[in-house]
Structure formats: C-alpha cells, structure tokens
C-alpha cells in the first residue's frame, strides 16, 4: 500500500493561525464594529447554518461560508480546551 493511499494529517506551526481561526476573528471584528453581539451571532450561525447571522461587512459572511461549520466548531473546542488543560 502506498503512503498516498493512507489518511495524512498535516500540522500547522503552533504560532500560525488556522483558516478557521482567521475567519472567526474576522467575523467577530466585523460583527462587533457593526454593533452586534458577536457571540450570539456566531453561535446562531453555527447552530442554524443561516449565513444571515453574519454581517456582510468586511466580507465576513463570504469568508465564513468558505469554511465548513464543523471546522469552526473544532477550532472553538481546541481553543477552549487548550486554555483549560495543563
């Protein structure tokens, strides 16, 4: 079996933000600047999948739609647990 037939995992450098992280930060910043509660809006999007929860300001809606919701959730869980575990 060739190594190309196996699932491969690539790790980014720890100091390099993931695409999901960059998109979440962009959405947060855009929502905050427009006067929305970013936590409520991003949570609404993650639960429902409705992009209307994310403002189109700074092209945040387009950016967040390019990333799968499960990738965004994984990034949030990773960040939360990394700040809680030793």
PDB file of N, CA and C in Angstrom:
ATOM      1  N   UNK A   1       0.844  -1.183   0.000  1.00  0.00           N
ATOM      2  CA  UNK A   1       0.000   0.000   0.000  1.00  0.00           C
ATOM      3  C   UNK A   1       0.887   1.244   0.000  1.00  0.00           C
ATOM      4  N   UNK A   2       0.614   2.132  -0.890  1.00  0.00           N
ATOM      5  CA  UNK A   2       1.358   3.385  -0.999  1.00  0.00           C
ATOM      6  C   UNK A   2       0.992   4.325   0.137  1.00  0.00           C
ATOM      7  N   UNK A   3       1.925   5.173   0.547  1.00  0.00           N
ATOM      8  CA  UNK A   3       1.615   6.147   1.601  1.00  0.00           C
ATOM      9  C   UNK A   3       0.583   7.158   1.142  1.00  0.00           C
ATOM     10  N   UNK A   4       0.371   7.263  -0.173  1.00  0.00           N
ATOM     11  CA  UNK A   4      -0.634   8.192  -0.676  1.00  0.00           C
ATOM     12  C   UNK A   4      -2.045   7.643  -0.545  1.00  0.00           C
ATOM     13  N   UNK A   5      -2.175   6.363  -0.204  1.00  0.00           N
ATOM     14  CA  UNK A   5      -3.481   5.745  -0.007  1.00  0.00           C
ATOM     15  C   UNK A   5      -3.961   5.861   1.432  1.00  0.00           C
ATOM     16  N   UNK A   6      -3.103   6.362   2.297  1.00  0.00           N
ATOM     17  CA  UNK A   6      -3.438   6.477   3.709  1.00  0.00           C
ATOM     18  C   UNK A   6      -3.832   7.912   4.046  1.00  0.00           C
ATOM     19  N   UNK A   7      -4.640   8.045   5.073  1.00  0.00           N
ATOM     20  CA  UNK A   7      -5.005   9.374   5.543  1.00  0.00           C
ATOM     21  C   UNK A   7      -3.784  10.045   6.133  1.00  0.00           C
ATOM     22  N   UNK A   8      -3.562  11.271   5.738  1.00  0.00           N
ATOM     23  CA  UNK A   8      -2.405  12.012   6.237  1.00  0.00           C
ATOM     24  C   UNK A   8      -2.901  13.228   7.004  1.00  0.00           C
ATOM     25  N   UNK A   9      -2.197  13.562   8.049  1.00  0.00           N
ATOM     26  CA  UNK A   9      -2.547  14.729   8.842  1.00  0.00           C
ATOM     27  C   UNK A   9      -1.372  15.690   8.806  1.00  0.00           C
ATOM     28  N   UNK A  10      -1.667  16.913   8.457  1.00  0.00           N
ATOM     29  CA  UNK A  10      -0.643  17.940   8.417  1.00  0.00           C
ATOM     30  C   UNK A  10      -0.852  18.877   9.590  1.00  0.00           C
ATOM     31  N   UNK A  11       0.185  19.145  10.293  1.00  0.00           N
ATOM     32  CA  UNK A  11       0.085  20.055  11.436  1.00  0.00           C
ATOM     33  C   UNK A  11       0.703  21.385  11.069  1.00  0.00           C
ATOM     34  N   UNK A  12      -0.040  22.431  11.390  1.00  0.00           N
ATOM     35  CA  UNK A  12       0.491  23.774  11.197  1.00  0.00           C
ATOM     36  C   UNK A  12       1.404  24.110  12.360  1.00  0.00           C
ATOM     37  N   UNK A  13       2.249  25.059  12.146  1.00  0.00           N
ATOM     38  CA  UNK A  13       3.064  25.525  13.264  1.00  0.00           C
ATOM     39  C   UNK A  13       2.110  26.072  14.331  1.00  0.00           C
ATOM     40  N   UNK A  14       2.401  25.872  15.603  1.00  0.00           N
ATOM     41  CA  UNK A  14       1.500  26.322  16.669  1.00  0.00           C
ATOM     42  C   UNK A  14       1.246  27.835  16.647  1.00  0.00           C
ATOM     43  N   UNK A  15       2.208  28.602  16.174  1.00  0.00           N
ATOM     44  CA  UNK A  15       2.045  30.056  16.173  1.00  0.00           C
ATOM     45  C   UNK A  15       1.344  30.557  14.915  1.00  0.00           C
ATOM     46  N   UNK A  16       1.023  29.661  13.982  1.00  0.00           N
ATOM     47  CA  UNK A  16       0.372  30.041  12.740  1.00  0.00           C
ATOM     48  C   UNK A  16      -1.136  29.825  12.879  1.00  0.00           C
ATOM     49  N   UNK A  17      -1.943  30.892  12.752  1.00  0.00           N
ATOM     50  CA  UNK A  17      -3.389  30.724  12.912  1.00  0.00           C
ATOM     51  C   UNK A  17      -3.988  29.877  11.790  1.00  0.00           C
ATOM     52  N   UNK A  18      -4.961  29.078  12.138  1.00  0.00           N
ATOM     53  CA  UNK A  18      -5.649  28.265  11.138  1.00  0.00           C
ATOM     54  C   UNK A  18      -6.603  29.148  10.351  1.00  0.00           C
ATOM     55  N   UNK A  19      -7.069  28.620   9.235  1.00  0.00           N
ATOM     56  CA  UNK A  19      -8.044  29.352   8.417  1.00  0.00           C
ATOM     57  C   UNK A  19      -9.308  29.601   9.238  1.00  0.00           C
ATOM     58  N   UNK A  20      -9.744  28.613  10.004  1.00  0.00           N
ATOM     59  CA  UNK A  20     -10.941  28.760  10.828  1.00  0.00           C
ATOM     60  C   UNK A  20     -10.746  29.873  11.861  1.00  0.00           C
ATOM     61  N   UNK A  21      -9.574  29.930  12.466  1.00  0.00           N
ATOM     62  CA  UNK A  21      -9.291  30.976  13.454  1.00  0.00           C
ATOM     63  C   UNK A  21      -9.351  32.361  12.810  1.00  0.00           C
ATOM     64  N   UNK A  22      -8.741  32.507  11.656  1.00  0.00           N
ATOM     65  CA  UNK A  22      -8.744  33.805  10.972  1.00  0.00           C
ATOM     66  C   UNK A  22     -10.166  34.240  10.624  1.00  0.00           C
ATOM     67  N   UNK A  23     -10.982  33.299  10.160  1.00  0.00           N
ATOM     68  CA  UNK A  23     -12.360  33.613   9.773  1.00  0.00           C
ATOM     69  C   UNK A  23     -13.189  33.977  11.001  1.00  0.00           C
ATOM     70  N   UNK A  24     -13.026  33.237  12.076  1.00  0.00           N
ATOM     71  CA  UNK A  24     -13.772  33.554  13.301  1.00  0.00           C
ATOM     72  C   UNK A  24     -13.406  34.947  13.821  1.00  0.00           C
ATOM     73  N   UNK A  25     -12.134  35.273  13.782  1.00  0.00           N
ATOM     74  CA  UNK A  25     -11.704  36.599  14.244  1.00  0.00           C
ATOM     75  C   UNK A  25     -12.230  37.703  13.336  1.00  0.00           C
ATOM     76  N   UNK A  26     -12.230  37.457  12.031  1.00  0.00           N
ATOM     77  CA  UNK A  26     -12.788  38.431  11.086  1.00  0.00           C
ATOM     78  C   UNK A  26     -14.270  38.650  11.352  1.00  0.00           C
ATOM     79  N   UNK A  27     -15.021  37.559  11.514  1.00  0.00           N
ATOM     80  CA  UNK A  27     -16.457  37.658  11.779  1.00  0.00           C
ATOM     81  C   UNK A  27     -16.712  38.392  13.095  1.00  0.00           C
ATOM     82  N   UNK A  28     -15.948  38.049  14.111  1.00  0.00           N
ATOM     83  CA  UNK A  28     -16.095  38.708  15.412  1.00  0.00           C
ATOM     84  C   UNK A  28     -15.872  40.213  15.282  1.00  0.00           C
ATOM     85  N   UNK A  29     -14.796  40.586  14.631  1.00  0.00           N
ATOM     86  CA  UNK A  29     -14.457  42.005  14.473  1.00  0.00           C
ATOM     87  C   UNK A  29     -15.529  42.747  13.680  1.00  0.00           C
ATOM     88  N   UNK A  30     -15.974  42.170  12.578  1.00  0.00           N
ATOM     89  CA  UNK A  30     -16.986  42.815  11.737  1.00  0.00           C
ATOM     90  C   UNK A  30     -18.309  42.973  12.485  1.00  0.00           C
ATOM     91  N   UNK A  31     -18.729  41.922  13.178  1.00  0.00           N
ATOM     92  CA  UNK A  31     -19.978  41.986  13.943  1.00  0.00           C
ATOM     93  C   UNK A  31     -19.884  43.014  15.064  1.00  0.00           C
ATOM     94  N   UNK A  32     -18.775  43.024  15.758  1.00  0.00           N
ATOM     95  CA  UNK A  32     -18.570  43.970  16.853  1.00  0.00           C
ATOM     96  C   UNK A  32     -18.599  45.408  16.347  1.00  0.00           C
ATOM     97  N   UNK A  33     -17.916  45.667  15.239  1.00  0.00           N
ATOM     98  CA  UNK A  33     -17.883  47.020  14.681  1.00  0.00           C
ATOM     99  C   UNK A  33     -19.259  47.489  14.224  1.00  0.00           C
ATOM    100  N   UNK A  34     -20.106  46.559  13.808  1.00  0.00           N
ATOM    101  CA  UNK A  34     -21.455  46.916  13.368  1.00  0.00           C
ATOM    102  C   UNK A  34     -22.443  46.996  14.535  1.00  0.00           C
ATOM    103  N   UNK A  35     -21.976  46.713  15.752  1.00  0.00           N
ATOM    104  CA  UNK A  35     -22.829  46.855  16.927  1.00  0.00           C
ATOM    105  C   UNK A  35     -23.601  45.616  17.316  1.00  0.00           C
ATOM    106  N   UNK A  36     -23.293  44.485  16.710  1.00  0.00           N
ATOM    107  CA  UNK A  36     -23.959  43.232  17.057  1.00  0.00           C
ATOM    108  C   UNK A  36     -23.210  42.558  18.205  1.00  0.00           C
ATOM    109  N   UNK A  37     -23.870  41.611  18.861  1.00  0.00           N
ATOM    110  CA  UNK A  37     -23.208  40.774  19.856  1.00  0.00           C
ATOM    111  C   UNK A  37     -22.571  39.606  19.099  1.00  0.00           C
ATOM    112  N   UNK A  38     -21.253  39.626  18.912  1.00  0.00           N
ATOM    113  CA  UNK A  38     -20.604  38.593  18.091  1.00  0.00           C
ATOM    114  C   UNK A  38     -20.804  37.174  18.594  1.00  0.00           C
ATOM    115  N   UNK A  39     -20.839  36.989  19.902  1.00  0.00           N
ATOM    116  CA  UNK A  39     -21.006  35.639  20.454  1.00  0.00           C
ATOM    117  C   UNK A  39     -22.375  35.086  20.065  1.00  0.00           C
ATOM    118  N   UNK A  40     -23.416  35.887  20.231  1.00  0.00           N
ATOM    119  CA  UNK A  40     -24.770  35.444  19.873  1.00  0.00           C
ATOM    120  C   UNK A  40     -24.874  35.180  18.376  1.00  0.00           C
ATOM    121  N   UNK A  41     -24.324  36.060  17.564  1.00  0.00           N
ATOM    122  CA  UNK A  41     -24.444  35.938  16.114  1.00  0.00           C
ATOM    123  C   UNK A  41     -23.674  34.729  15.583  1.00  0.00           C
ATOM    124  N   UNK A  42     -22.451  34.551  16.041  1.00  0.00           N
ATOM    125  CA  UNK A  42     -21.649  33.412  15.572  1.00  0.00           C
ATOM    126  C   UNK A  42     -22.275  32.105  16.054  1.00  0.00           C
ATOM    127  N   UNK A  43     -22.755  32.084  17.295  1.00  0.00           N
ATOM    128  CA  UNK A  43     -23.429  30.890  17.816  1.00  0.00           C
ATOM    129  C   UNK A  43     -24.665  30.571  16.970  1.00  0.00           C
ATOM    130  N   UNK A  44     -25.440  31.580  16.646  1.00  0.00           N
ATOM    131  CA  UNK A  44     -26.623  31.384  15.806  1.00  0.00           C
ATOM    132  C   UNK A  44     -26.266  30.790  14.462  1.00  0.00           C
ATOM    133  N   UNK A  45     -25.191  31.285  13.874  1.00  0.00           N
ATOM    134  CA  UNK A  45     -24.749  30.743  12.589  1.00  0.00           C
ATOM    135  C   UNK A  45     -24.311  29.292  12.727  1.00  0.00           C
ATOM    136  N   UNK A  46     -23.530  28.987  13.743  1.00  0.00           N
ATOM    137  CA  UNK A  46     -23.027  27.622  13.921  1.00  0.00           C
ATOM    138  C   UNK A  46     -24.158  26.629  14.171  1.00  0.00           C
ATOM    139  N   UNK A  47     -25.174  27.048  14.894  1.00  0.00           N
ATOM    140  CA  UNK A  47     -26.306  26.162  15.201  1.00  0.00           C
ATOM    141  C   UNK A  47     -27.211  25.978  13.994  1.00  0.00           C
ATOM    142  N   UNK A  48     -27.537  27.076  13.306  1.00  0.00           N
ATOM    143  CA  UNK A  48     -28.531  27.021  12.241  1.00  0.00           C
ATOM    144  C   UNK A  48     -27.963  26.849  10.843  1.00  0.00           C
ATOM    145  N   UNK A  49     -26.752  27.335  10.631  1.00  0.00           N
ATOM    146  CA  UNK A  49     -26.182  27.330   9.285  1.00  0.00           C
ATOM    147  C   UNK A  49     -26.668  28.487   8.436  1.00  0.00           C
ATOM    148  N   UNK A  50     -27.463  29.370   9.010  1.00  0.00           N
ATOM    149  CA  UNK A  50     -28.010  30.517   8.278  1.00  0.00           C
ATOM    150  C   UNK A  50     -26.969  31.632   8.228  1.00  0.00           C
ATOM    151  N   UNK A  51     -26.441  31.945   7.053  1.00  0.00           N
ATOM    152  CA  UNK A  51     -25.400  32.979   6.948  1.00  0.00           C
ATOM    153  C   UNK A  51     -25.895  34.390   7.256  1.00  0.00           C
ATOM    154  N   UNK A  52     -27.202  34.570   7.362  1.00  0.00           N
ATOM    155  CA  UNK A  52     -27.739  35.890   7.686  1.00  0.00           C
ATOM    156  C   UNK A  52     -27.330  36.339   9.089  1.00  0.00           C
ATOM    157  N   UNK A  53     -26.880  35.416   9.922  1.00  0.00           N
ATOM    158  CA  UNK A  53     -26.396  35.786  11.251  1.00  0.00           C
ATOM    159  C   UNK A  53     -25.085  36.565  11.187  1.00  0.00           C
ATOM    160  N   UNK A  54     -24.359  36.444  10.072  1.00  0.00           N
ATOM    161  CA  UNK A  54     -23.057  37.091   9.935  1.00  0.00           C
ATOM    162  C   UNK A  54     -23.188  38.266   8.984  1.00  0.00           C
ATOM    163  N   UNK A  55     -22.685  39.412   9.404  1.00  0.00           N
ATOM    164  CA  UNK A  55     -22.747  40.605   8.575  1.00  0.00           C
ATOM    165  C   UNK A  55     -21.907  40.437   7.308  1.00  0.00           C
ATOM    166  N   UNK A  56     -22.311  41.135   6.268  1.00  0.00           N
ATOM    167  CA  UNK A  56     -21.514  41.116   5.039  1.00  0.00           C
ATOM    168  C   UNK A  56     -20.401  42.166   5.094  1.00  0.00           C
ATOM    169  N   UNK A  57     -20.399  42.988   6.141  1.00  0.00           N
ATOM    170  CA  UNK A  57     -19.365  44.000   6.344  1.00  0.00           C
ATOM    171  C   UNK A  57     -17.997  43.322   6.376  1.00  0.00           C
ATOM    172  N   UNK A  58     -17.045  43.904   5.699  1.00  0.00           N
ATOM    173  CA  UNK A  58     -15.679  43.363   5.583  1.00  0.00           C
ATOM    174  C   UNK A  58     -15.659  41.972   4.955  1.00  0.00           C
ATOM    175  N   UNK A  59     -16.716  41.645   4.212  1.00  0.00           N
ATOM    176  CA  UNK A  59     -16.851  40.351   3.534  1.00  0.00           C
ATOM    177  C   UNK A  59     -16.793  39.171   4.504  1.00  0.00           C
ATOM    178  N   UNK A  60     -17.216  39.416   5.753  1.00  0.00           N
ATOM    179  CA  UNK A  60     -17.178  38.368   6.777  1.00  0.00           C
ATOM    180  C   UNK A  60     -18.111  37.212   6.435  1.00  0.00           C
ATOM    181  N   UNK A  61     -19.287  37.511   5.870  1.00  0.00           N
ATOM    182  CA  UNK A  61     -20.233  36.446   5.532  1.00  0.00           C
ATOM    183  C   UNK A  61     -19.651  35.521   4.460  1.00  0.00           C
ATOM    184  N   UNK A  62     -19.060  36.096   3.433  1.00  0.00           N
ATOM    185  CA  UNK A  62     -18.447  35.276   2.385  1.00  0.00           C
ATOM    186  C   UNK A  62     -17.319  34.426   2.941  1.00  0.00           C
ATOM    187  N   UNK A  63     -16.510  35.019   3.811  1.00  0.00           N
ATOM    188  CA  UNK A  63     -15.371  34.295   4.381  1.00  0.00           C
ATOM    189  C   UNK A  63     -15.832  33.121   5.239  1.00  0.00           C
ATOM    190  N   UNK A  64     -16.830  33.340   6.074  1.00  0.00           N
ATOM    191  CA  UNK A  64     -17.262  32.279   6.990  1.00  0.00           C
ATOM    192  C   UNK A  64     -17.952  31.147   6.236  1.00  0.00           C
ATOM    193  N   UNK A  65     -18.579  31.457   5.115  1.00  0.00           N
ATOM    194  CA  UNK A  65     -19.242  30.415   4.329  1.00  0.00           C
ATOM    195  C   UNK A  65     -18.239  29.525   3.598  1.00  0.00           C
ATOM    196  N   UNK A  66     -16.999  29.975   3.442  1.00  0.00           N
ATOM    197  CA  UNK A  66     -15.970  29.189   2.761  1.00  0.00           C
ATOM    198  C   UNK A  66     -15.343  28.135   3.678  1.00  0.00           C
ATOM    199  N   UNK A  67     -15.668  28.196   4.952  1.00  0.00           N
ATOM    200  CA  UNK A  67     -15.129  27.238   5.924  1.00  0.00           C
ATOM    201  C   UNK A  67     -16.298  26.394   6.435  1.00  0.00           C
ATOM    202  N   UNK A  68     -16.105  25.085   6.471  1.00  0.00           N
ATOM    203  CA  UNK A  68     -17.152  24.202   6.972  1.00  0.00           C
ATOM    204  C   UNK A  68     -17.436  24.515   8.445  1.00  0.00           C
ATOM    205  N   UNK A  69     -18.711  24.441   8.811  1.00  0.00           N
ATOM    206  CA  UNK A  69     -19.075  24.741  10.200  1.00  0.00           C
ATOM    207  C   UNK A  69     -18.375  23.812  11.176  1.00  0.00           C
ATOM    208  N   UNK A  70     -18.180  22.553  10.820  1.00  0.00           N
ATOM    209  CA  UNK A  70     -17.505  21.636  11.742  1.00  0.00           C
ATOM    210  C   UNK A  70     -16.061  22.061  11.985  1.00  0.00           C
ATOM    211  N   UNK A  71     -15.406  22.665  10.997  1.00  0.00           N
ATOM    212  CA  UNK A  71     -14.043  23.178  11.191  1.00  0.00           C
ATOM    213  C   UNK A  71     -14.051  24.343  12.181  1.00  0.00           C
ATOM    214  N   UNK A  72     -15.064  25.190  12.088  1.00  0.00           N
ATOM    215  CA  UNK A  72     -15.174  26.326  13.008  1.00  0.00           C
ATOM    216  C   UNK A  72     -15.397  25.832  14.432  1.00  0.00           C
ATOM    217  N   UNK A  73     -16.283  24.846  14.571  1.00  0.00           N
ATOM    218  CA  UNK A  73     -16.563  24.287  15.901  1.00  0.00           C
ATOM    219  C   UNK A  73     -15.317  23.610  16.469  1.00  0.00           C
ATOM    220  N   UNK A  74     -14.594  22.863  15.643  1.00  0.00           N
ATOM    221  CA  UNK A  74     -13.352  22.227  16.095  1.00  0.00           C
ATOM    222  C   UNK A  74     -12.353  23.264  16.599  1.00  0.00           C
ATOM    223  N   UNK A  75     -12.245  24.374  15.892  1.00  0.00           N
ATOM    224  CA  UNK A  75     -11.324  25.439  16.314  1.00  0.00           C
ATOM    225  C   UNK A  75     -11.732  26.001  17.666  1.00  0.00           C
ATOM    226  N   UNK A  76     -13.032  26.218  17.864  1.00  0.00           N
ATOM    227  CA  UNK A  76     -13.514  26.740  19.143  1.00  0.00           C
ATOM    228  C   UNK A  76     -13.255  25.764  20.281  1.00  0.00           C
ATOM    229  N   UNK A  77     -13.503  24.476  20.048  1.00  0.00           N
ATOM    230  CA  UNK A  77     -13.270  23.459  21.073  1.00  0.00           C
ATOM    231  C   UNK A  77     -11.776  23.372  21.377  1.00  0.00           C
ATOM    232  N   UNK A  78     -10.941  23.374  20.335  1.00  0.00           N
ATOM    233  CA  UNK A  78      -9.488  23.309  20.519  1.00  0.00           C
ATOM    234  C   UNK A  78      -9.007  24.473  21.384  1.00  0.00           C
ATOM    235  N   UNK A  79      -9.455  25.672  21.065  1.00  0.00           N
ATOM    236  CA  UNK A  79      -9.041  26.851  21.808  1.00  0.00           C
ATOM    237  C   UNK A  79      -9.525  26.781  23.256  1.00  0.00           C
ATOM    238  N   UNK A  80     -10.784  26.418  23.439  1.00  0.00           N
ATOM    239  CA  UNK A  80     -11.341  26.355  24.786  1.00  0.00           C
ATOM    240  C   UNK A  80     -10.586  25.344  25.643  1.00  0.00           C
ATOM    241  N   UNK A  81     -10.382  24.150  25.107  1.00  0.00           N
ATOM    242  CA  UNK A  81      -9.705  23.126  25.900  1.00  0.00           C
ATOM    243  C   UNK A  81      -8.238  23.448  26.126  1.00  0.00           C
ATOM    244  N   UNK A  82      -7.588  24.051  25.151  1.00  0.00           N
ATOM    245  CA  UNK A  82      -6.158  24.376  25.340  1.00  0.00           C
ATOM    246  C   UNK A  82      -5.983  25.417  26.431  1.00  0.00           C
ATOM    247  N   UNK A  83      -6.982  26.232  26.665  1.00  0.00           N
ATOM    248  CA  UNK A  83      -6.871  27.230  27.731  1.00  0.00           C
ATOM    249  C   UNK A  83      -7.253  26.659  29.100  1.00  0.00           C
ATOM    250  N   UNK A  84      -7.848  25.453  29.113  1.00  0.00           N
ATOM    251  CA  UNK A  84      -8.308  24.837  30.365  1.00  0.00           C
ATOM    252  C   UNK A  84      -7.439  23.689  30.837  1.00  0.00           C
ATOM    253  N   UNK A  85      -6.751  23.048  29.907  1.00  0.00           N
ATOM    254  CA  UNK A  85      -5.965  21.853  30.278  1.00  0.00           C
ATOM    255  C   UNK A  85      -4.524  22.238  30.575  1.00  0.00           C
ATOM    256  N   UNK A  86      -3.886  21.472  31.446  1.00  0.00           N
ATOM    257  CA  UNK A  86      -2.488  21.782  31.792  1.00  0.00           C
ATOM    258  C   UNK A  86      -1.540  21.556  30.640  1.00  0.00           C
TER     259      UNK A  86
END
